[in-house]
Amino acid sequence: MDLEAVIREELRYFESDEQRSAFNAARILPEPYVQSWSYGPPNEHTCLVIARDAKTQIVWCATGFGSEAPWSTQAVGELDLGMDSEWDSYLYEAFVCSTMWPFAPPQGFMRMARGEREPN
């Protein structure tokens, strides 16, 4: 899978150039990051941190909550995948809930399940 292509596609759904700029300012080269899994085998999953600031990181993980919700905003250094409600279907959702976006999520913001987003 070409994660860079996935990120480029996800950025099309950000609401403004200001959001895209804020995300791109926090981007890092993807760093593998092993996190624990409390819900059964396998007990560890290798995820990728793709963006980070002083407080939060955005993580992509193909396993764990997988293709339905591969994005998460976590505290920097988090070692546990956490609960499914902490994972998002879309990068935009993880970003606006992170400290990388210095404003509150937009009015009317709702987390969506995979496939609920309107095509762009």
C-alpha atoms as a PDB file:
ATOM      1  CA  MET A   1       0.000   0.000   0.000  1.00  0.00           C
ATOM      2  CA  ASP A   2       1.213   3.498  -0.849  1.00  0.00           C
ATOM      3  CA  LEU A   3       0.608   5.452   2.372  1.00  0.00           C
ATOM      4  CA  GLU A   4       1.756   8.701   0.777  1.00  0.00           C
ATOM      5  CA  ALA A   5      -0.954   8.348  -1.897  1.00  0.00           C
ATOM      6  CA  VAL A   6      -3.531   7.635   0.827  1.00  0.00           C
ATOM      7  CA  ILE A   7      -2.475  10.780   2.719  1.00  0.00           C
ATOM      8  CA  ARG A   8      -2.660  12.895  -0.465  1.00  0.00           C
ATOM      9  CA  GLU A   9      -6.177  11.593  -1.105  1.00  0.00           C
ATOM     10  CA  GLU A  10      -7.219  12.262   2.510  1.00  0.00           C
ATOM     11  CA  LEU A  11      -5.900  15.842   2.335  1.00  0.00           C
ATOM     12  CA  ARG A  12      -8.440  16.565  -0.415  1.00  0.00           C
ATOM     13  CA  TYR A  13     -11.144  16.317   2.267  1.00  0.00           C
ATOM     14  CA  PHE A  14      -9.633  18.883   4.631  1.00  0.00           C
ATOM     15  CA  GLU A  15     -11.843  21.967   4.740  1.00  0.00           C
ATOM     16  CA  SER A  16      -9.205  24.620   4.037  1.00  0.00           C
ATOM     17  CA  ASP A  17      -5.675  25.326   2.921  1.00  0.00           C
ATOM     18  CA  GLU A  18      -5.067  26.505   6.491  1.00  0.00           C
ATOM     19  CA  GLN A  19      -5.866  22.995   7.766  1.00  0.00           C
ATOM     20  CA  ARG A  20      -3.689  21.362   5.108  1.00  0.00           C
ATOM     21  CA  SER A  21      -0.815  23.730   5.983  1.00  0.00           C
ATOM     22  CA  ALA A  22      -1.138  22.988   9.702  1.00  0.00           C
ATOM     23  CA  PHE A  23      -1.110  19.254   9.011  1.00  0.00           C
ATOM     24  CA  ASN A  24       1.844  19.476   6.638  1.00  0.00           C
ATOM     25  CA  ALA A  25       3.804  21.526   9.191  1.00  0.00           C
ATOM     26  CA  ALA A  26       3.439  18.644  11.666  1.00  0.00           C
ATOM     27  CA  ARG A  27       4.213  15.855   9.169  1.00  0.00           C
ATOM     28  CA  ILE A  28       7.192  13.643   9.759  1.00  0.00           C
ATOM     29  CA  LEU A  29       8.650  10.784   7.789  1.00  0.00           C
ATOM     30  CA  PRO A  30       6.535   7.792   8.837  1.00  0.00           C
ATOM     31  CA  GLU A  31       8.082   6.169  11.912  1.00  0.00           C
ATOM     32  CA  PRO A  32       7.264   2.558  12.797  1.00  0.00           C
ATOM     33  CA  TYR A  33       5.856   2.365  16.295  1.00  0.00           C
ATOM     34  CA  VAL A  34       4.901  -0.852  18.092  1.00  0.00           C
ATOM     35  CA  GLN A  35       1.749  -0.594  20.197  1.00  0.00           C
ATOM     36  CA  SER A  36       0.107  -3.139  22.442  1.00  0.00           C
ATOM     37  CA  TRP A  37      -3.332  -4.607  21.822  1.00  0.00           C
ATOM     38  CA  SER A  38      -5.631  -5.547  24.693  1.00  0.00           C
ATOM     39  CA  TYR A  39      -8.260  -7.365  22.623  1.00  0.00           C
ATOM     40  CA  GLY A  40      -6.501 -10.608  21.738  1.00  0.00           C
ATOM     41  CA  PRO A  41      -3.773 -11.923  19.477  1.00  0.00           C
ATOM     42  CA  PRO A  42      -1.702 -10.570  18.006  1.00  0.00           C
ATOM     43  CA  ASN A  43      -0.780  -8.610  21.123  1.00  0.00           C
ATOM     44  CA  GLU A  44       1.394  -6.067  19.319  1.00  0.00           C
ATOM     45  CA  HIS A  45       0.854  -4.074  16.149  1.00  0.00           C
ATOM     46  CA  THR A  46       3.345  -2.037  14.180  1.00  0.00           C
ATOM     47  CA  CYS A  47       1.798   1.325  13.375  1.00  0.00           C
ATOM     48  CA  LEU A  48       3.241   4.432  11.717  1.00  0.00           C
ATOM     49  CA  VAL A  49       3.400   7.866  13.306  1.00  0.00           C
ATOM     50  CA  ILE A  50       2.888  10.296  10.404  1.00  0.00           C
ATOM     51  CA  ALA A  51       2.574  13.660  12.198  1.00  0.00           C
ATOM     52  CA  ARG A  52       3.511  14.995  15.602  1.00  0.00           C
ATOM     53  CA  ASP A  53       3.634  18.132  17.692  1.00  0.00           C
ATOM     54  CA  ALA A  54       4.655  18.593  21.337  1.00  0.00           C
ATOM     55  CA  LYS A  55       1.472  16.933  22.680  1.00  0.00           C
ATOM     56  CA  THR A  56      -0.152  14.662  20.130  1.00  0.00           C
ATOM     57  CA  GLN A  57       0.747  12.338  17.290  1.00  0.00           C
ATOM     58  CA  ILE A  58      -1.317  11.028  14.410  1.00  0.00           C
ATOM     59  CA  VAL A  59      -0.923   7.314  13.895  1.00  0.00           C
ATOM     60  CA  TRP A  60      -1.918   5.097  10.970  1.00  0.00           C
ATOM     61  CA  CYS A  61      -2.242   1.370  11.565  1.00  0.00           C
ATOM     62  CA  ALA A  62      -3.329  -1.237   9.032  1.00  0.00           C
ATOM     63  CA  THR A  63      -3.990  -3.824  11.746  1.00  0.00           C
ATOM     64  CA  GLY A  64      -5.774  -3.523  15.071  1.00  0.00           C
ATOM     65  CA  PHE A  65      -8.877  -1.557  14.134  1.00  0.00           C
ATOM     66  CA  GLY A  66      -7.573  -1.841  10.593  1.00  0.00           C
ATOM     67  CA  SER A  67      -9.073  -0.702   7.344  1.00  0.00           C
ATOM     68  CA  GLU A  68     -12.318   0.505   8.944  1.00  0.00           C
ATOM     69  CA  ALA A  69     -10.572   2.928  11.323  1.00  0.00           C
ATOM     70  CA  PRO A  70      -6.841   3.192  10.580  1.00  0.00           C
ATOM     71  CA  TRP A  71      -6.211   6.732  12.003  1.00  0.00           C
ATOM     72  CA  SER A  72      -5.766   7.807  15.604  1.00  0.00           C
ATOM     73  CA  THR A  73      -4.791  10.903  17.556  1.00  0.00           C
ATOM     74  CA  GLN A  74      -2.775   9.878  20.569  1.00  0.00           C
ATOM     75  CA  ALA A  75      -0.618  11.470  23.213  1.00  0.00           C
ATOM     76  CA  VAL A  76       3.011  11.509  22.075  1.00  0.00           C
ATOM     77  CA  GLY A  77       4.647   8.245  23.146  1.00  0.00           C
ATOM     78  CA  GLU A  78       1.398   6.289  23.678  1.00  0.00           C
ATOM     79  CA  LEU A  79       2.135   2.552  23.753  1.00  0.00           C
ATOM     80  CA  ASP A  80      -1.404   1.140  23.628  1.00  0.00           C
ATOM     81  CA  LEU A  81      -3.840   1.094  20.704  1.00  0.00           C
ATOM     82  CA  GLY A  82      -6.637   1.960  23.103  1.00  0.00           C
ATOM     83  CA  MET A  83     -10.326   1.494  22.343  1.00  0.00           C
ATOM     84  CA  ASP A  84     -12.034   1.465  18.961  1.00  0.00           C
ATOM     85  CA  SER A  85     -13.733   4.786  19.780  1.00  0.00           C
ATOM     86  CA  GLU A  86     -10.276   6.389  19.750  1.00  0.00           C
ATOM     87  CA  TRP A  87      -9.707   5.465  16.096  1.00  0.00           C
ATOM     88  CA  ASP A  88     -11.067   7.248  13.040  1.00  0.00           C
ATOM     89  CA  SER A  89     -12.011   6.228   9.547  1.00  0.00           C
ATOM     90  CA  TYR A  90     -10.513   9.368   8.034  1.00  0.00           C
ATOM     91  CA  LEU A  91      -7.353  11.405   8.560  1.00  0.00           C
ATOM     92  CA  TYR A  92      -9.362  14.647   8.739  1.00  0.00           C
ATOM     93  CA  GLU A  93     -11.150  13.435  11.873  1.00  0.00           C
ATOM     94  CA  ALA A  94      -7.897  12.548  13.621  1.00  0.00           C
ATOM     95  CA  PHE A  95      -6.350  15.874  12.616  1.00  0.00           C
ATOM     96  CA  VAL A  96      -9.105  18.222  13.833  1.00  0.00           C
ATOM     97  CA  CYS A  97      -9.142  16.385  17.171  1.00  0.00           C
ATOM     98  CA  SER A  98      -5.381  16.794  17.616  1.00  0.00           C
ATOM     99  CA  THR A  99      -3.431  19.706  19.036  1.00  0.00           C
ATOM    100  CA  MET A 100      -1.916  20.159  15.566  1.00  0.00           C
ATOM    101  CA  TRP A 101      -5.141  21.984  14.718  1.00  0.00           C
ATOM    102  CA  PRO A 102      -5.229  24.831  17.253  1.00  0.00           C
ATOM    103  CA  PHE A 103      -8.995  25.324  16.996  1.00  0.00           C
ATOM    104  CA  ALA A 104     -11.957  23.245  18.094  1.00  0.00           C
ATOM    105  CA  PRO A 105     -13.410  20.797  15.595  1.00  0.00           C
ATOM    106  CA  PRO A 106     -15.738  22.638  13.196  1.00  0.00           C
ATOM    107  CA  GLN A 107     -19.347  23.238  14.167  1.00  0.00           C
ATOM    108  CA  GLY A 108     -21.399  20.176  13.339  1.00  0.00           C
ATOM    109  CA  PHE A 109     -18.316  17.914  13.327  1.00  0.00           C
ATOM    110  CA  MET A 110     -19.192  14.219  13.513  1.00  0.00           C
ATOM    111  CA  ARG A 111     -16.989  11.170  13.321  1.00  0.00           C
ATOM    112  CA  MET A 112     -18.005   8.958  10.408  1.00  0.00           C
ATOM    113  CA  ALA A 113     -17.760   5.270   9.763  1.00  0.00           C
ATOM    114  CA  ARG A 114     -15.931   4.129   6.651  1.00  0.00           C
ATOM    115  CA  GLY A 115     -18.070   4.882   3.596  1.00  0.00           C
ATOM    116  CA  GLU A 116     -20.186   7.630   5.204  1.00  0.00           C
ATOM    117  CA  ARG A 117     -18.113  10.498   3.825  1.00  0.00           C
ATOM    118  CA  GLU A 118     -19.419  12.232   0.735  1.00  0.00           C
ATOM    119  CA  PRO A 119     -17.185  11.701  -2.313  1.00  0.00           C
ATOM    120  CA  ASN A 120     -15.045  14.736  -3.075  1.00  0.00           C
END
